């Protein structure tokens, strides 16, 4: 402890460390340049941070591109100016500011942490080169040189504020340099920030990424309320009836489902066209299924992500609710697909709302959202050359929502003499 205190007291950089530790806000431009042999790399970025922890980074990796990163502590917006597109993702509070930047860009420029994390950012930056034991350069005021480092480290600080003006790591033909200047915008001009109204939201910056769903202001609160209902489900028992029509066939399916968040799932389904009925029960690890038509039983240990696929391969229909509950995916993600457009079509006297969704591949979906936030009806249709090509209607009724499900409802009703054949992934023994 005494040795550590002595090292701090003997470090001439202490005033600079203190100045940066107390930096509550900033509006700066960082110009970075790296030299390796005769190759030079140069770029710049502006960094803005306010007292509330909101920050913005305008990054120019080259002369032809610019990205704007902004977060308010709840969400991250990354905007690409050349294409006028942006993505929006949640901010992760368990990560540090620079780690959130790194997760978004793929990497964070080392100097960013000095200004995003004033309490320990400078110390972390210097640890990258093992720099410690700084002394003043007697020949130059405001210059500090590290006595211990894996590469020569020199820091130039303002004589008035003790804030860093530039940093040089390395020397001669192998060096990196950061120059700190005032940003072109004031903090009030830079924060808060939103993308231009003409900007298009996309799902990712991957090539050919589709735009994110466009949701009208009237539809947003309805979807948000329904999302919360499905996200907070602990148990649910329901029945569904499905009617399918294509240009050359039609079918009817019915299903009963029981689900609890622990992972248990039971499904009883019938397909009219195939004259087939299937019962299945998954306890979170083992799937037991019984085909009433062939009177065959199947059993196997499978991951929860395989449950839907296995039931489908055994000939059982899977309606949208079971498909999402079994995989523990957000229910609304099934409908808010990239490239879709969502509007409020009408609201009824009963408190139900009908949302209209048009998808990028031509489907029209009408969702009836009940007053309690649950989906009561799903209608999908596809028209080709002005003619109806396919349609599907699913009707839901709910028997238990967030209530205990009786033990008898978790029992798979099969004849006592049933022999269960083993399920083998990839070969369902059908």
Protein backbone atom coordinates (compact mmCIF):
# COMPACT_ATOMS: atom_id res chain seq x y z
CA UNK A 1 0.00 0.00 0.00
CA UNK A 2 2.82 2.38 0.91
CA UNK A 3 4.68 1.48 -2.29
CA UNK A 4 1.56 2.06 -4.41
CA UNK A 5 1.01 5.47 -2.76
CA UNK A 6 4.62 6.40 -3.38
CA UNK A 7 4.32 5.53 -7.05
CA UNK A 8 1.23 7.71 -7.42
CA UNK A 9 2.85 10.63 -5.65
CA UNK A 10 5.99 10.30 -7.79
CA UNK A 11 4.02 10.21 -11.05
CA UNK A 12 4.26 13.64 -12.67
CA UNK A 13 1.12 12.82 -14.70
CA UNK A 14 -1.10 13.03 -11.59
CA UNK A 15 -2.57 16.49 -12.49
CA UNK A 16 -3.48 15.20 -15.95
CA UNK A 17 -5.09 12.08 -14.49
CA UNK A 18 -7.10 14.23 -12.06
CA UNK A 19 -8.25 16.62 -14.80
CA UNK A 20 -9.55 13.77 -16.94
CA UNK A 21 -11.15 12.01 -13.98
CA UNK A 22 -13.18 15.16 -13.30
CA UNK A 23 -14.17 15.68 -16.94
CA UNK A 24 -17.98 15.70 -16.83
CA UNK A 25 -18.66 16.53 -20.48
CA UNK A 26 -16.75 17.03 -23.71
CA UNK A 27 -17.05 18.11 -27.35
CA UNK A 28 -13.78 17.16 -29.05
CA UNK A 29 -12.29 16.10 -32.36
CA UNK A 30 -9.68 13.34 -32.30
CA UNK A 31 -7.33 13.07 -35.26
CA UNK A 32 -5.48 9.76 -35.30
CA UNK A 33 -2.52 8.76 -37.45
CA UNK A 34 -0.49 5.55 -37.46
CA UNK A 35 2.80 4.97 -39.27
CA UNK A 36 4.30 1.55 -39.94
CA UNK A 37 7.44 1.66 -42.07
CA UNK A 38 6.36 3.84 -45.00
CA UNK A 39 2.62 3.11 -44.70
CA UNK A 40 0.36 5.76 -43.16
CA UNK A 41 -3.19 5.45 -41.84
CA UNK A 42 -5.17 8.52 -40.89
CA UNK A 43 -8.76 9.11 -39.73
CA UNK A 44 -10.72 11.31 -37.34
CA UNK A 45 -13.81 11.30 -35.18
CA UNK A 46 -15.76 13.76 -33.06
CA UNK A 47 -16.79 12.69 -29.59
CA UNK A 48 -19.51 14.35 -27.52
CA UNK A 49 -20.58 13.36 -24.00
CA UNK A 50 -22.93 15.18 -21.64
CA UNK A 51 -23.39 15.06 -17.87
CA UNK A 52 -26.25 12.56 -18.19
CA UNK A 53 -24.00 9.96 -19.81
CA UNK A 54 -25.43 10.37 -23.30
CA UNK A 55 -22.77 10.35 -25.96
CA UNK A 56 -22.29 10.65 -29.68
CA UNK A 57 -19.39 9.72 -31.95
CA UNK A 58 -19.07 10.98 -35.54
CA UNK A 59 -16.58 8.58 -37.11
CA UNK A 60 -14.86 9.15 -40.45
CA UNK A 61 -12.84 5.99 -41.18
CA UNK A 62 -11.91 7.41 -44.60
CA UNK A 63 -12.69 10.38 -46.81
CA UNK A 64 -15.73 8.70 -48.41
CA UNK A 65 -17.69 7.50 -45.40
CA UNK A 66 -19.08 8.76 -42.10
CA UNK A 67 -20.94 7.01 -39.31
CA UNK A 68 -22.77 8.57 -36.38
CA UNK A 69 -23.09 6.57 -33.16
CA UNK A 70 -25.50 7.92 -30.55
CA UNK A 71 -26.88 6.50 -27.32
CA UNK A 72 -29.15 7.86 -24.62
CA UNK A 73 -28.35 4.97 -22.29
CA UNK A 74 -31.34 2.91 -23.44
CA UNK A 75 -30.78 2.42 -27.16
CA UNK A 76 -27.97 2.73 -29.66
CA UNK A 77 -28.45 4.32 -33.06
CA UNK A 78 -25.79 3.79 -35.73
CA UNK A 79 -26.27 5.90 -38.86
CA UNK A 80 -24.40 5.63 -42.17
CA UNK A 81 -24.50 8.95 -43.96
CA UNK A 82 -23.54 7.78 -47.46
CA UNK A 83 -26.51 5.40 -47.72
CA UNK A 84 -28.78 7.40 -45.38
CA UNK A 85 -29.65 4.28 -43.36
CA UNK A 86 -29.47 3.40 -39.67
CA UNK A 87 -29.82 0.49 -37.27
CA UNK A 88 -31.18 0.64 -33.74
CA UNK A 89 -30.18 -1.80 -30.98
CA UNK A 90 -30.56 -1.88 -27.18
CA UNK A 91 -27.81 -0.36 -25.05
CA UNK A 92 -26.30 -2.94 -22.70
CA UNK A 93 -25.81 -1.37 -19.25
CA UNK A 94 -23.66 -4.31 -18.09
CA UNK A 95 -21.05 -3.18 -20.62
CA UNK A 96 -18.93 -0.07 -20.31
CA UNK A 97 -19.54 2.75 -22.82
CA UNK A 98 -16.48 1.77 -24.86
CA UNK A 99 -17.56 -1.89 -24.80
CA UNK A 100 -20.95 -0.88 -26.22
CA UNK A 101 -19.15 1.03 -28.96
CA UNK A 102 -16.94 -1.98 -29.63
CA UNK A 103 -19.94 -4.32 -29.83
CA UNK A 104 -21.54 -2.00 -32.41
CA UNK A 105 -18.53 -1.14 -34.58
CA UNK A 106 -16.62 -4.38 -34.03
CA UNK A 107 -13.87 -2.46 -32.22
CA UNK A 108 -13.43 0.77 -30.26
CA UNK A 109 -10.59 3.16 -31.07
CA UNK A 110 -8.32 3.16 -27.96
CA UNK A 111 -8.48 6.90 -27.28
CA UNK A 112 -12.30 6.85 -27.08
CA UNK A 113 -12.28 5.37 -23.59
CA UNK A 114 -10.36 8.36 -22.24
CA UNK A 115 -13.40 10.56 -22.86
CA UNK A 116 -16.24 8.02 -22.56
CA UNK A 117 -15.07 6.72 -19.18
CA UNK A 118 -13.36 9.65 -17.44
CA UNK A 119 -12.92 7.91 -14.09
CA UNK A 120 -10.62 5.15 -15.36
CA UNK A 121 -10.42 5.61 -19.15
CA UNK A 122 -6.98 7.27 -19.17
CA UNK A 123 -5.51 4.61 -16.91
CA UNK A 124 -6.93 1.88 -19.14
CA UNK A 125 -5.56 3.61 -22.25
CA UNK A 126 -2.06 3.80 -20.73
CA UNK A 127 -2.15 0.16 -19.59
CA UNK A 128 -2.37 -0.83 -23.26
CA UNK A 129 1.35 0.03 -23.49
CA UNK A 130 2.23 -0.67 -19.86
CA UNK A 131 2.96 3.04 -19.44
CA UNK A 132 3.64 4.24 -15.88
CA UNK A 133 6.02 6.39 -13.85
CA UNK A 134 5.66 9.53 -15.97
CA UNK A 135 8.18 12.35 -15.63
CA UNK A 136 8.13 15.87 -17.03
CA UNK A 137 10.29 16.68 -20.01
CA UNK A 138 12.46 19.51 -18.66
CA UNK A 139 12.93 20.93 -22.15
CA UNK A 140 9.21 21.19 -22.98
CA UNK A 141 6.46 22.43 -20.74
CA UNK A 142 3.36 20.25 -20.71
CA UNK A 143 5.18 17.17 -22.02
CA UNK A 144 5.26 13.95 -20.01
CA UNK A 145 7.33 10.84 -20.78
CA UNK A 146 6.65 7.34 -19.44
CA UNK A 147 9.66 5.80 -17.69
CA UNK A 148 8.15 2.33 -18.02
CA UNK A 149 6.37 1.22 -21.20
CA UNK A 150 6.47 -1.43 -23.92
CA UNK A 151 6.90 1.43 -26.41
CA UNK A 152 7.87 5.10 -25.89
CA UNK A 153 4.82 7.06 -24.69
CA UNK A 154 4.71 10.86 -24.66
CA UNK A 155 1.76 12.95 -23.55
CA UNK A 156 1.32 16.66 -24.24
CA UNK A 157 -1.17 18.43 -21.96
CA UNK A 158 -2.57 21.93 -21.78
CA UNK A 159 -0.77 24.09 -19.24
CA UNK A 160 -4.08 25.74 -18.31
CA UNK A 161 -6.48 22.76 -18.01
CA UNK A 162 -4.07 19.80 -17.74
CA UNK A 163 -6.21 18.05 -20.37
CA UNK A 164 -4.48 16.04 -23.07
CA UNK A 165 -3.71 17.83 -26.34
CA UNK A 166 -1.83 14.99 -28.03
CA UNK A 167 -0.34 11.55 -27.43
CA UNK A 168 2.51 9.85 -29.29
CA UNK A 169 3.23 6.15 -28.88
CA UNK A 170 6.33 4.71 -30.55
CA UNK A 171 8.89 6.55 -32.59
CA UNK A 172 10.51 6.90 -35.99
CA UNK A 173 8.86 4.61 -38.57
CA UNK A 174 6.56 2.84 -36.12
CA UNK A 175 4.33 5.26 -34.22
CA UNK A 176 0.75 6.24 -33.45
CA UNK A 177 -0.33 9.81 -32.77
CA UNK A 178 -3.56 11.32 -31.47
CA UNK A 179 -4.27 15.03 -31.74
CA UNK A 180 -7.12 16.49 -29.65
CA UNK A 181 -8.98 19.59 -30.90
CA UNK A 182 -12.30 21.32 -30.40
CA UNK A 183 -15.24 19.63 -32.16
CA UNK A 184 -17.10 21.52 -34.93
CA UNK A 185 -20.39 21.39 -32.98
CA UNK A 186 -21.21 22.55 -29.50
CA UNK A 187 -22.50 19.98 -27.03
CA UNK A 188 -26.00 21.44 -27.22
CA UNK A 189 -25.95 21.15 -31.02
CA UNK A 190 -24.70 17.56 -30.94
CA UNK A 191 -26.86 16.01 -28.18
CA UNK A 192 -29.56 14.75 -28.32
CA UNK A 193 -29.48 13.40 -31.87
CA UNK A 194 -31.93 11.58 -34.14
CA UNK A 195 -31.44 10.32 -37.72
CA UNK A 196 -32.71 12.51 -40.57
CA UNK A 197 -36.41 12.04 -41.35
CA UNK A 198 -35.48 10.71 -44.77
CA UNK A 199 -33.21 8.01 -43.28
CA UNK A 200 -34.32 4.39 -43.64
CA UNK A 201 -34.05 2.02 -40.70
CA UNK A 202 -32.60 -1.38 -41.60
CA UNK A 203 -32.10 -4.58 -39.62
CA UNK A 204 -28.32 -4.64 -40.03
CA UNK A 205 -25.50 -3.27 -42.16
CA UNK A 206 -25.17 -6.61 -43.92
CA UNK A 207 -25.30 -6.44 -47.75
CA UNK A 208 -28.86 -6.25 -49.10
CA UNK A 209 -30.35 -5.91 -45.59
CA UNK A 210 -34.07 -5.18 -45.67
CA UNK A 211 -35.53 -2.13 -43.94
CA UNK A 212 -36.75 -2.58 -40.38
CA UNK A 213 -40.53 -2.78 -39.95
CA UNK A 214 -42.28 0.57 -40.33
CA UNK A 215 -44.93 0.92 -37.62
CA UNK A 216 -47.43 3.77 -37.67
CA UNK A 217 -47.75 5.95 -34.54
CA UNK A 218 -51.29 4.63 -33.96
CA UNK A 219 -50.15 0.99 -34.06
CA UNK A 220 -47.10 1.37 -31.80
CA UNK A 221 -48.87 1.52 -28.40
CA UNK A 222 -51.08 -1.45 -29.32
CA UNK A 223 -48.06 -3.55 -30.25
CA UNK A 224 -46.12 -2.44 -27.18
CA UNK A 225 -48.99 -3.39 -24.86
CA UNK A 226 -49.36 -6.78 -26.55
CA UNK A 227 -45.59 -7.38 -26.46
CA UNK A 228 -45.59 -6.87 -22.71
CA UNK A 229 -48.43 -9.35 -22.29
CA UNK A 230 -46.62 -12.09 -24.23
CA UNK A 231 -43.24 -11.31 -22.68
CA UNK A 232 -44.74 -11.66 -19.19
CA UNK A 233 -46.64 -14.88 -19.78
CA UNK A 234 -45.95 -17.54 -17.15
CA UNK A 235 -48.57 -20.08 -18.30
CA UNK A 236 -51.17 -20.30 -21.01
CA UNK A 237 -53.76 -22.85 -22.14
CA UNK A 238 -55.57 -22.24 -25.42
CA UNK A 239 -57.39 -23.70 -28.39
CA UNK A 240 -57.02 -22.76 -32.05
CA UNK A 241 -58.78 -23.45 -35.31
CA UNK A 242 -56.99 -22.90 -38.61
CA UNK A 243 -58.43 -22.69 -42.10
CA UNK A 244 -56.06 -22.84 -45.07
CA UNK A 245 -56.79 -22.25 -48.73
CA UNK A 246 -54.58 -22.33 -51.83
CA UNK A 247 -55.42 -22.26 -55.52
CA UNK A 248 -55.54 -26.07 -55.63
CA UNK A 249 -56.31 -27.25 -52.08
CA UNK A 250 -57.87 -26.41 -48.76
CA UNK A 251 -57.44 -27.75 -45.25
CA UNK A 252 -58.61 -27.38 -41.68
CA UNK A 253 -56.57 -27.85 -38.52
CA UNK A 254 -57.39 -27.66 -34.84
CA UNK A 255 -55.10 -27.61 -31.85
CA UNK A 256 -55.03 -27.36 -28.08
CA UNK A 257 -51.95 -26.11 -26.32
CA UNK A 258 -50.64 -25.91 -22.76
CA UNK A 259 -47.40 -24.09 -21.98
CA UNK A 260 -45.48 -22.81 -18.98
CA UNK A 261 -42.29 -20.76 -18.88
CA UNK A 262 -40.34 -23.54 -17.18
CA UNK A 263 -40.27 -25.21 -20.60
CA UNK A 264 -43.14 -27.68 -20.38
CA UNK A 265 -45.33 -27.84 -23.47
CA UNK A 266 -48.20 -30.09 -24.50
CA UNK A 267 -49.92 -30.03 -27.89
CA UNK A 268 -52.91 -31.93 -29.22
CA UNK A 269 -53.45 -31.30 -32.93
CA UNK A 270 -55.57 -32.63 -35.79
CA UNK A 271 -55.16 -32.19 -39.55
CA UNK A 272 -58.38 -32.82 -41.47
CA UNK A 273 -56.89 -33.42 -44.94
CA UNK A 274 -54.44 -36.01 -43.69
CA UNK A 275 -56.94 -37.44 -41.22
CA UNK A 276 -54.18 -37.31 -38.67
CA UNK A 277 -54.12 -36.53 -34.96
CA UNK A 278 -51.00 -36.12 -32.86
CA UNK A 279 -50.43 -35.63 -29.15
CA UNK A 280 -47.05 -34.41 -27.87
CA UNK A 281 -45.66 -33.54 -24.46
CA UNK A 282 -42.27 -31.93 -23.81
CA UNK A 283 -41.11 -31.66 -20.19
CA UNK A 284 -38.16 -29.38 -20.95
CA UNK A 285 -35.80 -32.21 -21.88
CA UNK A 286 -37.74 -35.22 -23.18
CA UNK A 287 -40.37 -35.26 -25.93
CA UNK A 288 -43.06 -37.94 -25.89
CA UNK A 289 -45.42 -38.07 -28.86
CA UNK A 290 -48.32 -40.28 -29.85
CA UNK A 291 -49.74 -40.55 -33.36
CA UNK A 292 -53.40 -41.42 -32.90
CA UNK A 293 -53.76 -42.42 -36.56
CA UNK A 294 -50.90 -44.93 -36.73
CA UNK A 295 -51.11 -45.68 -32.97
CA UNK A 296 -47.35 -45.22 -32.68
CA UNK A 297 -45.48 -43.63 -29.82
CA UNK A 298 -42.13 -41.84 -29.91
CA UNK A 299 -39.79 -40.68 -27.17
CA UNK A 300 -36.45 -38.90 -27.16
CA UNK A 301 -34.28 -36.36 -25.38
CA UNK A 302 -34.05 -33.26 -27.57
CA UNK A 303 -33.16 -29.58 -27.12
CA UNK A 304 -36.09 -27.17 -26.87
CA UNK A 305 -35.03 -25.57 -30.17
CA UNK A 306 -35.84 -28.90 -31.92
CA UNK A 307 -39.35 -29.41 -30.51
CA UNK A 308 -41.23 -27.63 -33.29
CA UNK A 309 -39.24 -29.32 -36.07
CA UNK A 310 -39.75 -32.77 -34.55
CA UNK A 311 -43.52 -32.32 -34.16
CA UNK A 312 -43.74 -31.11 -37.76
CA UNK A 313 -41.79 -34.12 -39.01
CA UNK A 314 -44.08 -36.41 -37.06
CA UNK A 315 -46.98 -34.91 -39.01
CA UNK A 316 -48.38 -32.56 -36.41
CA UNK A 317 -49.38 -29.03 -37.39
CA UNK A 318 -47.78 -26.10 -35.58
CA UNK A 319 -49.73 -22.85 -35.36
CA UNK A 320 -47.94 -19.52 -34.70
CA UNK A 321 -48.35 -19.39 -30.91
CA UNK A 322 -46.84 -22.81 -30.23
CA UNK A 323 -44.10 -22.12 -32.77
CA UNK A 324 -42.88 -19.12 -30.78
CA UNK A 325 -43.57 -20.34 -27.24
CA UNK A 326 -41.70 -23.60 -27.81
CA UNK A 327 -38.59 -21.80 -29.05
CA UNK A 328 -38.94 -18.98 -26.46
CA UNK A 329 -38.70 -16.38 -29.21
CA UNK A 330 -40.57 -13.08 -28.90
CA UNK A 331 -44.06 -13.66 -30.28
CA UNK A 332 -44.29 -10.37 -32.14
CA UNK A 333 -41.03 -10.99 -34.01
CA UNK A 334 -43.00 -13.44 -36.12
CA UNK A 335 -45.08 -10.60 -37.55
CA UNK A 336 -42.72 -7.61 -37.46
CA UNK A 337 -40.49 -8.93 -40.22
CA UNK A 338 -37.89 -6.80 -42.05
CA UNK A 339 -39.48 -4.83 -44.86
CA UNK A 340 -43.00 -4.94 -43.42
CA UNK A 341 -45.36 -2.00 -42.92
CA UNK A 342 -47.79 -1.94 -39.97
CA UNK A 343 -50.85 0.30 -39.65
CA UNK A 344 -53.96 0.43 -37.46
CA UNK A 345 -56.93 -0.58 -39.61
CA UNK A 346 -59.77 -0.22 -37.12
CA UNK A 347 -60.77 -0.38 -33.45
CA UNK A 348 -63.96 -2.06 -32.29
CA UNK A 349 -66.40 -1.19 -29.52
CA UNK A 350 -65.16 -4.22 -27.56
CA UNK A 351 -61.68 -2.71 -27.26
CA UNK A 352 -60.11 -4.97 -29.87
CA UNK A 353 -57.81 -3.47 -32.50
CA UNK A 354 -57.17 -4.75 -36.01
CA UNK A 355 -53.66 -4.17 -37.35
CA UNK A 356 -52.82 -4.48 -41.02
CA UNK A 357 -49.35 -5.68 -41.99
CA UNK A 358 -48.01 -5.77 -45.54
CA UNK A 359 -44.79 -7.73 -46.02
CA UNK A 360 -41.97 -7.26 -48.50
CA UNK A 361 -42.86 -10.53 -50.26
CA UNK A 362 -46.49 -9.57 -50.93
CA UNK A 363 -48.46 -11.07 -48.03
CA UNK A 364 -51.17 -9.09 -46.24
CA UNK A 365 -51.68 -9.95 -42.57
CA UNK A 366 -54.57 -8.75 -40.38
CA UNK A 367 -54.15 -9.24 -36.64
CA UNK A 368 -56.98 -8.83 -34.17
CA UNK A 369 -55.46 -7.74 -30.86
CA UNK A 370 -57.90 -8.22 -28.00
CA UNK A 371 -58.37 -5.70 -25.23
CA UNK A 372 -56.20 -7.85 -22.93
CA UNK A 373 -53.33 -7.73 -25.46
CA UNK A 374 -53.66 -11.32 -26.67
CA UNK A 375 -54.10 -12.14 -30.37
CA UNK A 376 -57.63 -13.35 -31.11
CA UNK A 377 -57.42 -13.79 -34.89
CA UNK A 378 -54.74 -14.00 -37.57
CA UNK A 379 -55.60 -13.63 -41.25
CA UNK A 380 -52.98 -13.98 -43.98
CA UNK A 381 -53.52 -13.68 -47.71
CA UNK A 382 -51.41 -13.57 -50.84
CA UNK A 383 -52.60 -12.31 -54.20
CA UNK A 384 -50.83 -12.89 -57.51
CA UNK A 385 -51.81 -10.84 -60.56
CA UNK A 386 -54.87 -9.56 -58.70
CA UNK A 387 -56.14 -13.06 -57.84
CA UNK A 388 -56.16 -14.64 -54.38
CA UNK A 389 -53.47 -17.32 -54.38
CA UNK A 390 -53.40 -18.41 -50.74
CA UNK A 391 -55.03 -17.52 -47.45
CA UNK A 392 -54.97 -18.67 -43.85
CA UNK A 393 -57.16 -17.81 -40.87
CA UNK A 394 -56.31 -18.80 -37.28
CA UNK A 395 -58.81 -18.26 -34.45
CA UNK A 396 -57.74 -18.39 -30.80
CA UNK A 397 -59.60 -18.91 -27.54
CA UNK A 398 -57.83 -18.87 -24.18
CA UNK A 399 -58.73 -20.99 -21.16
CA UNK A 400 -55.98 -20.09 -18.70
CA UNK A 401 -53.57 -17.16 -18.76
CA UNK A 402 -50.94 -16.81 -16.02
CA UNK A 403 -52.87 -19.32 -13.90
CA UNK A 404 -51.67 -22.72 -12.64
CA UNK A 405 -52.38 -25.52 -15.12
CA UNK A 406 -53.85 -28.65 -13.43
CA UNK A 407 -51.61 -31.70 -13.27
CA UNK A 408 -54.03 -33.78 -15.35
CA UNK A 409 -53.59 -31.39 -18.29
CA UNK A 410 -49.92 -32.38 -18.45
CA UNK A 411 -50.79 -36.05 -18.92
CA UNK A 412 -50.34 -37.52 -22.41
CA UNK A 413 -53.51 -39.57 -23.10
CA UNK A 414 -52.24 -42.78 -24.70
CA UNK A 415 -53.37 -46.41 -24.46
CA UNK A 416 -51.60 -48.28 -21.66
CA UNK A 417 -50.16 -50.85 -24.10
CA UNK A 418 -48.43 -48.19 -26.24
CA UNK A 419 -44.76 -48.87 -26.97
CA UNK A 420 -42.66 -45.74 -27.46
CA UNK A 421 -39.99 -46.04 -30.15
CA UNK A 422 -36.84 -43.93 -29.69
CA UNK A 423 -36.67 -40.62 -31.54
CA UNK A 424 -33.39 -40.14 -33.37
CA UNK A 425 -32.60 -36.61 -34.59
CA UNK A 426 -32.34 -36.60 -38.35
CA UNK A 427 -34.30 -39.85 -38.58
CA UNK A 428 -37.64 -39.57 -36.83
CA UNK A 429 -38.47 -43.27 -37.32
CA UNK A 430 -41.69 -42.35 -39.03
